Amino acid sequence: MAERKVTVLARFKAKEGMEEQLKQAIMACVAPTRAEAGCINYDLHQLADDKGKLVLYENWRSKKDLEVHLEMPYLKELKAKAGELCSEPIEITLWEMVSKPV
């Protein structure tokens, strides 16, 4: 049986005054992540009325591909910076699609 696709929501909340630095730190991961073999999409969103709240919406071919991604050096660097840039821990949740895609 083929592995199921996995969707990830990663939520970030910047410390006051660190909004742009956090956004740029995450943006530095976008291009290399999109180039990874198992990445379907990797999109950064910012809350319209609160620039300190950001969400990565990611889709991966499989959980194994996601696990490979989590070991990439640029992602480890982002996690290391999170303590100085974020006011709370990064919230990462995994999702599976239950409706049929259109």
PDB file of N, CA and C in Angstrom:
ATOM      1  N   MET A   1       0.841  -1.185   0.000  1.00  0.00           N
ATOM      2  CA  MET A   1       0.000   0.000   0.000  1.00  0.00           C
ATOM      3  C   MET A   1       0.883   1.244   0.000  1.00  0.00           C
ATOM      4  N   ALA A   2       0.543   2.214  -0.820  1.00  0.00           N
ATOM      5  CA  ALA A   2       1.315   3.452  -0.913  1.00  0.00           C
ATOM      6  C   ALA A   2       1.130   4.297   0.343  1.00  0.00           C
ATOM      7  N   GLU A   3       2.183   5.024   0.672  1.00  0.00           N
ATOM      8  CA  GLU A   3       2.075   5.924   1.827  1.00  0.00           C
ATOM      9  C   GLU A   3       1.114   7.053   1.503  1.00  0.00           C
ATOM     10  N   ARG A   4       0.471   7.561   2.528  1.00  0.00           N
ATOM     11  CA  ARG A   4      -0.481   8.665   2.362  1.00  0.00           C
ATOM     12  C   ARG A   4       0.242  10.001   2.406  1.00  0.00           C
ATOM     13  N   LYS A   5      -0.290  10.941   1.664  1.00  0.00           N
ATOM     14  CA  LYS A   5       0.225  12.306   1.739  1.00  0.00           C
ATOM     15  C   LYS A   5      -0.033  12.844   3.143  1.00  0.00           C
ATOM     16  N   VAL A   6       0.798  13.800   3.542  1.00  0.00           N
ATOM     17  CA  VAL A   6       0.622  14.406   4.860  1.00  0.00           C
ATOM     18  C   VAL A   6       0.676  15.930   4.704  1.00  0.00           C
ATOM     19  N   THR A   7      -0.206  16.587   5.422  1.00  0.00           N
ATOM     20  CA  THR A   7      -0.255  18.045   5.451  1.00  0.00           C
ATOM     21  C   THR A   7       0.262  18.502   6.806  1.00  0.00           C
ATOM     22  N   VAL A   8       1.055  19.563   6.793  1.00  0.00           N
ATOM     23  CA  VAL A   8       1.617  20.119   8.013  1.00  0.00           C
ATOM     24  C   VAL A   8       1.188  21.582   8.136  1.00  0.00           C
ATOM     25  N   LEU A   9       0.774  21.956   9.331  1.00  0.00           N
ATOM     26  CA  LEU A   9       0.578  23.359   9.679  1.00  0.00           C
ATOM     27  C   LEU A   9       1.581  23.666  10.784  1.00  0.00           C
ATOM     28  N   ALA A  10       2.452  24.620  10.508  1.00  0.00           N
ATOM     29  CA  ALA A  10       3.439  25.055  11.497  1.00  0.00           C
ATOM     30  C   ALA A  10       3.149  26.511  11.821  1.00  0.00           C
ATOM     31  N   ARG A  11       2.771  26.767  13.072  1.00  0.00           N
ATOM     32  CA  ARG A  11       2.373  28.115  13.496  1.00  0.00           C
ATOM     33  C   ARG A  11       3.489  28.760  14.306  1.00  0.00           C
ATOM     34  N   PHE A  12       3.765  30.027  13.977  1.00  0.00           N
ATOM     35  CA  PHE A  12       4.813  30.806  14.624  1.00  0.00           C
ATOM     36  C   PHE A  12       4.204  32.091  15.167  1.00  0.00           C
ATOM     37  N   LYS A  13       4.686  32.534  16.327  1.00  0.00           N
ATOM     38  CA  LYS A  13       4.287  33.836  16.869  1.00  0.00           C
ATOM     39  C   LYS A  13       5.564  34.586  17.241  1.00  0.00           C
ATOM     40  N   ALA A  14       5.789  35.694  16.559  1.00  0.00           N
ATOM     41  CA  ALA A  14       7.006  36.475  16.762  1.00  0.00           C
ATOM     42  C   ALA A  14       6.964  37.254  18.074  1.00  0.00           C
ATOM     43  N   LYS A  15       8.152  37.419  18.653  1.00  0.00           N
ATOM     44  CA  LYS A  15       8.273  38.351  19.773  1.00  0.00           C
ATOM     45  C   LYS A  15       8.031  39.750  19.217  1.00  0.00           C
ATOM     46  N   GLU A  16       7.522  40.622  20.062  1.00  0.00           N
ATOM     47  CA  GLU A  16       7.275  41.997  19.645  1.00  0.00           C
ATOM     48  C   GLU A  16       8.575  42.615  19.122  1.00  0.00           C
ATOM     49  N   GLY A  17       8.496  43.224  17.960  1.00  0.00           N
ATOM     50  CA  GLY A  17       9.661  43.846  17.336  1.00  0.00           C
ATOM     51  C   GLY A  17      10.493  42.889  16.489  1.00  0.00           C
ATOM     52  N   MET A  18      10.158  41.584  16.503  1.00  0.00           N
ATOM     53  CA  MET A  18      10.927  40.587  15.752  1.00  0.00           C
ATOM     54  C   MET A  18      10.140  40.023  14.567  1.00  0.00           C
ATOM     55  N   GLU A  19       9.030  40.652  14.218  1.00  0.00           N
ATOM     56  CA  GLU A  19       8.151  40.132  13.174  1.00  0.00           C
ATOM     57  C   GLU A  19       8.872  39.953  11.835  1.00  0.00           C
ATOM     58  N   GLU A  20       9.574  40.966  11.395  1.00  0.00           N
ATOM     59  CA  GLU A  20      10.256  40.894  10.096  1.00  0.00           C
ATOM     60  C   GLU A  20      11.410  39.899  10.118  1.00  0.00           C
ATOM     61  N   GLN A  21      12.143  39.860  11.209  1.00  0.00           N
ATOM     62  CA  GLN A  21      13.259  38.910  11.312  1.00  0.00           C
ATOM     63  C   GLN A  21      12.747  37.468  11.263  1.00  0.00           C
ATOM     64  N   LEU A  22      11.639  37.197  11.946  1.00  0.00           N
ATOM     65  CA  LEU A  22      11.067  35.850  11.913  1.00  0.00           C
ATOM     66  C   LEU A  22      10.605  35.511  10.499  1.00  0.00           C
ATOM     67  N   LYS A  23       9.908  36.439   9.878  1.00  0.00           N
ATOM     68  CA  LYS A  23       9.429  36.187   8.514  1.00  0.00           C
ATOM     69  C   LYS A  23      10.597  35.881   7.578  1.00  0.00           C
ATOM     70  N   GLN A  24      11.667  36.641   7.679  1.00  0.00           N
ATOM     71  CA  GLN A  24      12.822  36.419   6.797  1.00  0.00           C
ATOM     72  C   GLN A  24      13.516  35.090   7.106  1.00  0.00           C
ATOM     73  N   ALA A  25      13.574  34.705   8.364  1.00  0.00           N
ATOM     74  CA  ALA A  25      14.195  33.422   8.741  1.00  0.00           C
ATOM     75  C   ALA A  25      13.404  32.255   8.150  1.00  0.00           C
ATOM     76  N   ILE A  26      12.083  32.358   8.179  1.00  0.00           N
ATOM     77  CA  ILE A  26      11.249  31.299   7.594  1.00  0.00           C
ATOM     78  C   ILE A  26      11.362  31.329   6.070  1.00  0.00           C
ATOM     79  N   MET A  27      11.320  32.521   5.487  1.00  0.00           N
ATOM     80  CA  MET A  27      11.415  32.655   4.028  1.00  0.00           C
ATOM     81  C   MET A  27      12.708  32.042   3.485  1.00  0.00           C
ATOM     82  N   ALA A  28      13.768  32.072   4.277  1.00  0.00           N
ATOM     83  CA  ALA A  28      15.039  31.492   3.842  1.00  0.00           C
ATOM     84  C   ALA A  28      14.935  29.976   3.647  1.00  0.00           C
ATOM     85  N   CYS A  29      13.930  29.359   4.228  1.00  0.00           N
ATOM     86  CA  CYS A  29      13.729  27.908   4.087  1.00  0.00           C
ATOM     87  C   CYS A  29      12.809  27.548   2.926  1.00  0.00           C
ATOM     88  N   VAL A  30      12.085  28.508   2.383  1.00  0.00           N
ATOM     89  CA  VAL A  30      11.058  28.205   1.385  1.00  0.00           C
ATOM     90  C   VAL A  30      11.658  27.605   0.107  1.00  0.00           C
ATOM     91  N   ALA A  31      12.583  28.294  -0.532  1.00  0.00           N
ATOM     92  CA  ALA A  31      13.129  27.801  -1.809  1.00  0.00           C
ATOM     93  C   ALA A  31      13.819  26.441  -1.669  1.00  0.00           C
ATOM     94  N   PRO A  32      14.712  26.255  -0.676  1.00  0.00           N
ATOM     95  CA  PRO A  32      15.340  24.934  -0.578  1.00  0.00           C
ATOM     96  C   PRO A  32      14.351  23.819  -0.243  1.00  0.00           C
ATOM     97  N   THR A  33      13.330  24.135   0.549  1.00  0.00           N
ATOM     98  CA  THR A  33      12.337  23.116   0.883  1.00  0.00           C
ATOM     99  C   THR A  33      11.526  22.733  -0.341  1.00  0.00           C
ATOM    100  N   ARG A  34      11.122  23.726  -1.130  1.00  0.00           N
ATOM    101  CA  ARG A  34      10.349  23.432  -2.339  1.00  0.00           C
ATOM    102  C   ARG A  34      11.137  22.564  -3.320  1.00  0.00           C
ATOM    103  N   ALA A  35      12.459  22.602  -3.231  1.00  0.00           N
ATOM    104  CA  ALA A  35      13.313  21.792  -4.113  1.00  0.00           C
ATOM    105  C   ALA A  35      13.466  20.350  -3.619  1.00  0.00           C
ATOM    106  N   GLU A  36      13.020  20.054  -2.408  1.00  0.00           N
ATOM    107  CA  GLU A  36      13.122  18.688  -1.878  1.00  0.00           C
ATOM    108  C   GLU A  36      12.194  17.758  -2.655  1.00  0.00           C
ATOM    109  N   ALA A  37      12.663  16.543  -2.844  1.00  0.00           N
ATOM    110  CA  ALA A  37      11.949  15.575  -3.682  1.00  0.00           C
ATOM    111  C   ALA A  37      10.510  15.325  -3.243  1.00  0.00           C
ATOM    112  N   GLY A  38      10.236  15.248  -1.954  1.00  0.00           N
ATOM    113  CA  GLY A  38       8.905  14.888  -1.485  1.00  0.00           C
ATOM    114  C   GLY A  38       7.968  16.053  -1.235  1.00  0.00           C
ATOM    115  N   CYS A  39       8.433  17.275  -1.484  1.00  0.00           N
ATOM    116  CA  CYS A  39       7.626  18.461  -1.201  1.00  0.00           C
ATOM    117  C   CYS A  39       6.614  18.701  -2.323  1.00  0.00           C
ATOM    118  N   ILE A  40       5.345  18.760  -1.958  1.00  0.00           N
ATOM    119  CA  ILE A  40       4.294  19.109  -2.916  1.00  0.00           C
ATOM    120  C   ILE A  40       4.108  20.623  -2.921  1.00  0.00           C
ATOM    121  N   ASN A  41       4.002  21.219  -1.735  1.00  0.00           N
ATOM    122  CA  ASN A  41       3.976  22.674  -1.613  1.00  0.00           C
ATOM    123  C   ASN A  41       4.456  23.065  -0.216  1.00  0.00           C
ATOM    124  N   TYR A  42       4.952  24.295  -0.124  1.00  0.00           N
ATOM    125  CA  TYR A  42       5.504  24.824   1.130  1.00  0.00           C
ATOM    126  C   TYR A  42       5.266  26.320   1.072  1.00  0.00           C
ATOM    127  N   ASP A  43       4.184  26.771   1.711  1.00  0.00           N
ATOM    128  CA  ASP A  43       3.708  28.139   1.544  1.00  0.00           C
ATOM    129  C   ASP A  43       3.601  28.852   2.888  1.00  0.00           C
ATOM    130  N   LEU A  44       4.207  30.035   2.957  1.00  0.00           N
ATOM    131  CA  LEU A  44       4.177  30.836   4.173  1.00  0.00           C
ATOM    132  C   LEU A  44       3.048  31.851   4.087  1.00  0.00           C
ATOM    133  N   HIS A  45       2.255  31.919   5.164  1.00  0.00           N
ATOM    134  CA  HIS A  45       1.152  32.872   5.260  1.00  0.00           C
ATOM    135  C   HIS A  45       1.353  33.722   6.510  1.00  0.00           C
ATOM    136  N   GLN A  46       0.895  34.997   6.424  1.00  0.00           N
ATOM    137  CA  GLN A  46       0.986  35.923   7.545  1.00  0.00           C
ATOM    138  C   GLN A  46      -0.412  36.440   7.832  1.00  0.00           C
ATOM    139  N   LEU A  47      -0.792  36.468   9.101  1.00  0.00           N
ATOM    140  CA  LEU A  47      -2.114  36.955   9.474  1.00  0.00           C
ATOM    141  C   LEU A  47      -2.254  38.410   9.033  1.00  0.00           C
ATOM    142  N   ALA A  48      -3.342  38.717   8.346  1.00  0.00           N
ATOM    143  CA  ALA A  48      -3.524  40.043   7.750  1.00  0.00           C
ATOM    144  C   ALA A  48      -3.493  41.173   8.776  1.00  0.00           C
ATOM    145  N   ASP A  49      -4.062  40.948   9.955  1.00  0.00           N
ATOM    146  CA  ASP A  49      -4.126  42.037  10.927  1.00  0.00           C
ATOM    147  C   ASP A  49      -3.183  41.848  12.121  1.00  0.00           C
ATOM    148  N   ASP A  50      -2.267  40.885  12.022  1.00  0.00           N
ATOM    149  CA  ASP A  50      -1.259  40.688  13.068  1.00  0.00           C
ATOM    150  C   ASP A  50      -0.016  40.085  12.411  1.00  0.00           C
ATOM    151  N   LYS A  51       0.913  40.933  11.990  1.00  0.00           N
ATOM    152  CA  LYS A  51       2.088  40.506  11.226  1.00  0.00           C
ATOM    153  C   LYS A  51       3.028  39.608  12.024  1.00  0.00           C
ATOM    154  N   GLY A  52       2.781  39.471  13.317  1.00  0.00           N
ATOM    155  CA  GLY A  52       3.610  38.613  14.147  1.00  0.00           C
ATOM    156  C   GLY A  52       3.187  37.153  14.141  1.00  0.00           C
ATOM    157  N   LYS A  53       2.061  36.839  13.483  1.00  0.00           N
ATOM    158  CA  LYS A  53       1.576  35.464  13.413  1.00  0.00           C
ATOM    159  C   LYS A  53       1.748  34.941  11.995  1.00  0.00           C
ATOM    160  N   LEU A  54       2.500  33.832  11.887  1.00  0.00           N
ATOM    161  CA  LEU A  54       2.782  33.233  10.588  1.00  0.00           C
ATOM    162  C   LEU A  54       2.461  31.747  10.626  1.00  0.00           C
ATOM    163  N   VAL A  55       2.067  31.219   9.476  1.00  0.00           N
ATOM    164  CA  VAL A  55       1.746  29.802   9.349  1.00  0.00           C
ATOM    165  C   VAL A  55       2.395  29.274   8.077  1.00  0.00           C
ATOM    166  N   LEU A  56       3.079  28.148   8.210  1.00  0.00           N
ATOM    167  CA  LEU A  56       3.538  27.399   7.046  1.00  0.00           C
ATOM    168  C   LEU A  56       2.497  26.342   6.749  1.00  0.00           C
ATOM    169  N   TYR A  57       2.016  26.333   5.507  1.00  0.00           N
ATOM    170  CA  TYR A  57       1.100  25.304   5.034  1.00  0.00           C
ATOM    171  C   TYR A  57       1.902  24.428   4.086  1.00  0.00           C
ATOM    172  N   GLU A  58       2.078  23.158   4.471  1.00  0.00           N
ATOM    173  CA  GLU A  58       2.957  22.252   3.728  1.00  0.00           C
ATOM    174  C   GLU A  58       2.212  20.978   3.366  1.00  0.00           C
ATOM    175  N   ASN A  59       2.521  20.438   2.197  1.00  0.00           N
ATOM    176  CA  ASN A  59       2.030  19.124   1.814  1.00  0.00           C
ATOM    177  C   ASN A  59       3.212  18.299   1.346  1.00  0.00           C
ATOM    178  N   TRP A  60       3.257  17.060   1.845  1.00  0.00           N
ATOM    179  CA  TRP A  60       4.359  16.138   1.569  1.00  0.00           C
ATOM    180  C   TRP A  60       3.818  14.858   0.966  1.00  0.00           C
ATOM    181  N   ARG A  61       4.590  14.282   0.086  1.00  0.00           N
ATOM    182  CA  ARG A  61       4.223  13.036  -0.581  1.00  0.00           C
ATOM    183  C   ARG A  61       4.015  11.909   0.438  1.00  0.00           C
ATOM    184  N   SER A  62       4.805  11.916   1.512  1.00  0.00           N
ATOM    185  CA  SER A  62       4.704  10.872   2.534  1.00  0.00           C
ATOM    186  C   SER A  62       5.293  11.368   3.850  1.00  0.00           C
ATOM    187  N   LYS A  63       4.994  10.659   4.904  1.00  0.00           N
ATOM    188  CA  LYS A  63       5.573  10.992   6.209  1.00  0.00           C
ATOM    189  C   LYS A  63       7.093  10.809   6.177  1.00  0.00           C
ATOM    190  N   LYS A  64       7.567   9.833   5.419  1.00  0.00           N
ATOM    191  CA  LYS A  64       9.009   9.624   5.292  1.00  0.00           C
ATOM    192  C   LYS A  64       9.680  10.853   4.664  1.00  0.00           C
ATOM    193  N   ASP A  65       9.053  11.423   3.628  1.00  0.00           N
ATOM    194  CA  ASP A  65       9.610  12.637   3.018  1.00  0.00           C
ATOM    195  C   ASP A  65       9.643  13.785   4.019  1.00  0.00           C
ATOM    196  N   LEU A  66       8.613  13.895   4.837  1.00  0.00           N
ATOM    197  CA  LEU A  66       8.586  14.924   5.880  1.00  0.00           C
ATOM    198  C   LEU A  66       9.716  14.692   6.875  1.00  0.00           C
ATOM    199  N   GLU A  67       9.950  13.458   7.265  1.00  0.00           N
ATOM    200  CA  GLU A  67      11.018  13.152   8.216  1.00  0.00           C
ATOM    201  C   GLU A  67      12.388  13.533   7.655  1.00  0.00           C
ATOM    202  N   VAL A  68      12.597  13.307   6.355  1.00  0.00           N
ATOM    203  CA  VAL A  68      13.847  13.727   5.710  1.00  0.00           C
ATOM    204  C   VAL A  68      13.973  15.254   5.785  1.00  0.00           C
ATOM    205  N   HIS A  69      12.875  15.942   5.499  1.00  0.00           N
ATOM    206  CA  HIS A  69      12.860  17.413   5.552  1.00  0.00           C
ATOM    207  C   HIS A  69      13.261  17.923   6.935  1.00  0.00           C
ATOM    208  N   LEU A  70      12.742  17.299   7.971  1.00  0.00           N
ATOM    209  CA  LEU A  70      13.003  17.766   9.333  1.00  0.00           C
ATOM    210  C   LEU A  70      14.474  17.669   9.725  1.00  0.00           C
ATOM    211  N   GLU A  71      15.265  16.914   8.982  1.00  0.00           N
ATOM    212  CA  GLU A  71      16.695  16.781   9.260  1.00  0.00           C
ATOM    213  C   GLU A  71      17.563  17.713   8.415  1.00  0.00           C
ATOM    214  N   MET A  72      16.954  18.511   7.555  1.00  0.00           N
ATOM    215  CA  MET A  72      17.725  19.417   6.696  1.00  0.00           C
ATOM    216  C   MET A  72      18.394  20.507   7.535  1.00  0.00           C
ATOM    217  N   PRO A  73      19.638  20.876   7.184  1.00  0.00           N
ATOM    218  CA  PRO A  73      20.370  21.873   7.983  1.00  0.00           C
ATOM    219  C   PRO A  73      19.671  23.229   8.061  1.00  0.00           C
ATOM    220  N   TYR A  74      19.038  23.677   6.987  1.00  0.00           N
ATOM    221  CA  TYR A  74      18.373  24.983   7.027  1.00  0.00           C
ATOM    222  C   TYR A  74      17.169  24.955   7.958  1.00  0.00           C
ATOM    223  N   LEU A  75      16.518  23.822   8.097  1.00  0.00           N
ATOM    224  CA  LEU A  75      15.401  23.734   9.024  1.00  0.00           C
ATOM    225  C   LEU A  75      15.898  23.680  10.464  1.00  0.00           C
ATOM    226  N   LYS A  76      16.984  22.971  10.685  1.00  0.00           N
ATOM    227  CA  LYS A  76      17.578  22.938  12.029  1.00  0.00           C
ATOM    228  C   LYS A  76      18.035  24.344  12.441  1.00  0.00           C
ATOM    229  N   GLU A  77      18.554  25.112  11.484  1.00  0.00           N
ATOM    230  CA  GLU A  77      18.968  26.489  11.766  1.00  0.00           C
ATOM    231  C   GLU A  77      17.758  27.342  12.154  1.00  0.00           C
ATOM    232  N   LEU A  78      16.648  27.178  11.434  1.00  0.00           N
ATOM    233  CA  LEU A  78      15.430  27.916  11.776  1.00  0.00           C
ATOM    234  C   LEU A  78      14.969  27.566  13.181  1.00  0.00           C
ATOM    235  N   LYS A  79      14.957  26.282  13.523  1.00  0.00           N
ATOM    236  CA  LYS A  79      14.538  25.871  14.869  1.00  0.00           C
ATOM    237  C   LYS A  79      15.447  26.472  15.937  1.00  0.00           C
ATOM    238  N   ALA A  80      16.750  26.553  15.637  1.00  0.00           N
ATOM    239  CA  ALA A  80      17.697  27.123  16.600  1.00  0.00           C
ATOM    240  C   ALA A  80      17.439  28.612  16.822  1.00  0.00           C
ATOM    241  N   LYS A  81      17.006  29.324  15.787  1.00  0.00           N
ATOM    242  CA  LYS A  81      16.713  30.762  15.894  1.00  0.00           C
ATOM    243  C   LYS A  81      15.366  31.032  16.553  1.00  0.00           C
ATOM    244  N   ALA A  82      14.495  30.048  16.584  1.00  0.00           N
ATOM    245  CA  ALA A  82      13.120  30.257  17.052  1.00  0.00           C
ATOM    246  C   ALA A  82      13.056  30.806  18.477  1.00  0.00           C
ATOM    247  N   GLY A  83      13.955  30.376  19.331  1.00  0.00           N
ATOM    248  CA  GLY A  83      13.934  30.847  20.713  1.00  0.00           C
ATOM    249  C   GLY A  83      14.114  32.346  20.845  1.00  0.00           C
ATOM    250  N   GLU A  84      14.952  32.921  19.994  1.00  0.00           N
ATOM    251  CA  GLU A  84      15.174  34.372  20.066  1.00  0.00           C
ATOM    252  C   GLU A  84      14.133  35.164  19.275  1.00  0.00           C
ATOM    253  N   LEU A  85      13.452  34.524  18.332  1.00  0.00           N
ATOM    254  CA  LEU A  85      12.506  35.229  17.459  1.00  0.00           C
ATOM    255  C   LEU A  85      11.045  35.030  17.846  1.00  0.00           C
ATOM    256  N   CYS A  86      10.737  33.910  18.490  1.00  0.00           N
ATOM    257  CA  CYS A  86       9.341  33.555  18.785  1.00  0.00           C
ATOM    258  C   CYS A  86       9.002  33.775  20.251  1.00  0.00           C
ATOM    259  N   SER A  87       7.764  34.206  20.486  1.00  0.00           N
ATOM    260  CA  SER A  87       7.311  34.429  21.861  1.00  0.00           C
ATOM    261  C   SER A  87       6.741  33.169  22.487  1.00  0.00           C
ATOM    262  N   GLU A  88       6.555  32.130  21.687  1.00  0.00           N
ATOM    263  CA  GLU A  88       6.067  30.848  22.195  1.00  0.00           C
ATOM    264  C   GLU A  88       6.604  29.738  21.297  1.00  0.00           C
ATOM    265  N   PRO A  89       6.568  28.495  21.751  1.00  0.00           N
ATOM    266  CA  PRO A  89       7.087  27.407  20.923  1.00  0.00           C
ATOM    267  C   PRO A  89       6.336  27.293  19.594  1.00  0.00           C
ATOM    268  N   ILE A  90       7.038  26.844  18.571  1.00  0.00           N
ATOM    269  CA  ILE A  90       6.403  26.595  17.272  1.00  0.00           C
ATOM    270  C   ILE A  90       5.390  25.474  17.470  1.00  0.00           C
ATOM    271  N   GLU A  91       4.192  25.663  16.943  1.00  0.00           N
ATOM    272  CA  GLU A  91       3.149  24.639  17.034  1.00  0.00           C
ATOM    273  C   GLU A  91       3.084  23.910  15.692  1.00  0.00           C
ATOM    274  N   ILE A  92       3.397  22.629  15.692  1.00  0.00           N
ATOM    275  CA  ILE A  92       3.392  21.833  14.466  1.00  0.00           C
ATOM    276  C   ILE A  92       2.353  20.736  14.597  1.00  0.00           C
ATOM    277  N   THR A  93       1.429  20.696  13.626  1.00  0.00           N
ATOM    278  CA  THR A  93       0.401  19.660  13.615  1.00  0.00           C
ATOM    279  C   THR A  93       0.398  18.965  12.258  1.00  0.00           C
ATOM    280  N   LEU A  94       0.113  17.654  12.275  1.00  0.00           N
ATOM    281  CA  LEU A  94       0.057  16.855  11.054  1.00  0.00           C
ATOM    282  C   LEU A  94      -1.399  16.532  10.744  1.00  0.00           C
ATOM    283  N   TRP A  95      -1.761  16.612   9.459  1.00  0.00           N
ATOM    284  CA  TRP A  95      -3.136  16.426   9.016  1.00  0.00           C
ATOM    285  C   TRP A  95      -3.176  15.452   7.839  1.00  0.00           C
ATOM    286  N   GLU A  96      -4.280  14.740   7.719  1.00  0.00           N
ATOM    287  CA  GLU A  96      -4.546  13.889   6.560  1.00  0.00           C
ATOM    288  C   GLU A  96      -5.838  14.351   5.920  1.00  0.00           C
ATOM    289  N   MET A  97      -5.859  14.434   4.594  1.00  0.00           N
ATOM    290  CA  MET A  97      -7.071  14.839   3.880  1.00  0.00           C
ATOM    291  C   MET A  97      -8.101  13.713   3.962  1.00  0.00           C
ATOM    292  N   VAL A  98      -9.328  14.078   4.312  1.00  0.00           N
ATOM    293  CA  VAL A  98     -10.389  13.074   4.376  1.00  0.00           C
ATOM    294  C   VAL A  98     -11.409  13.267   3.252  1.00  0.00           C
ATOM    295  N   SER A  99     -11.458  14.432   2.653  1.00  0.00           N
ATOM    296  CA  SER A  99     -12.317  14.628   1.485  1.00  0.00           C
ATOM    297  C   SER A  99     -11.531  14.240   0.235  1.00  0.00           C
ATOM    298  N   LYS A 100     -12.256  14.042  -0.851  1.00  0.00           N
ATOM    299  CA  LYS A 100     -11.577  13.735  -2.112  1.00  0.00           C
ATOM    300  C   LYS A 100     -11.136  15.038  -2.746  1.00  0.00           C
ATOM    301  N   PRO A 101      -9.894  15.069  -3.278  1.00  0.00           N
ATOM    302  CA  PRO A 101      -9.451  16.308  -3.946  1.00  0.00           C
ATOM    303  C   PRO A 101     -10.261  16.544  -5.209  1.00  0.00           C
ATOM    304  N   VAL A 102     -10.367  17.796  -5.592  1.00  0.00           N
ATOM    305  CA  VAL A 102     -11.101  18.146  -6.826  1.00  0.00           C
ATOM    306  C   VAL A 102     -10.184  18.176  -8.022  1.00  0.00           C
TER     307      VAL A 102
END
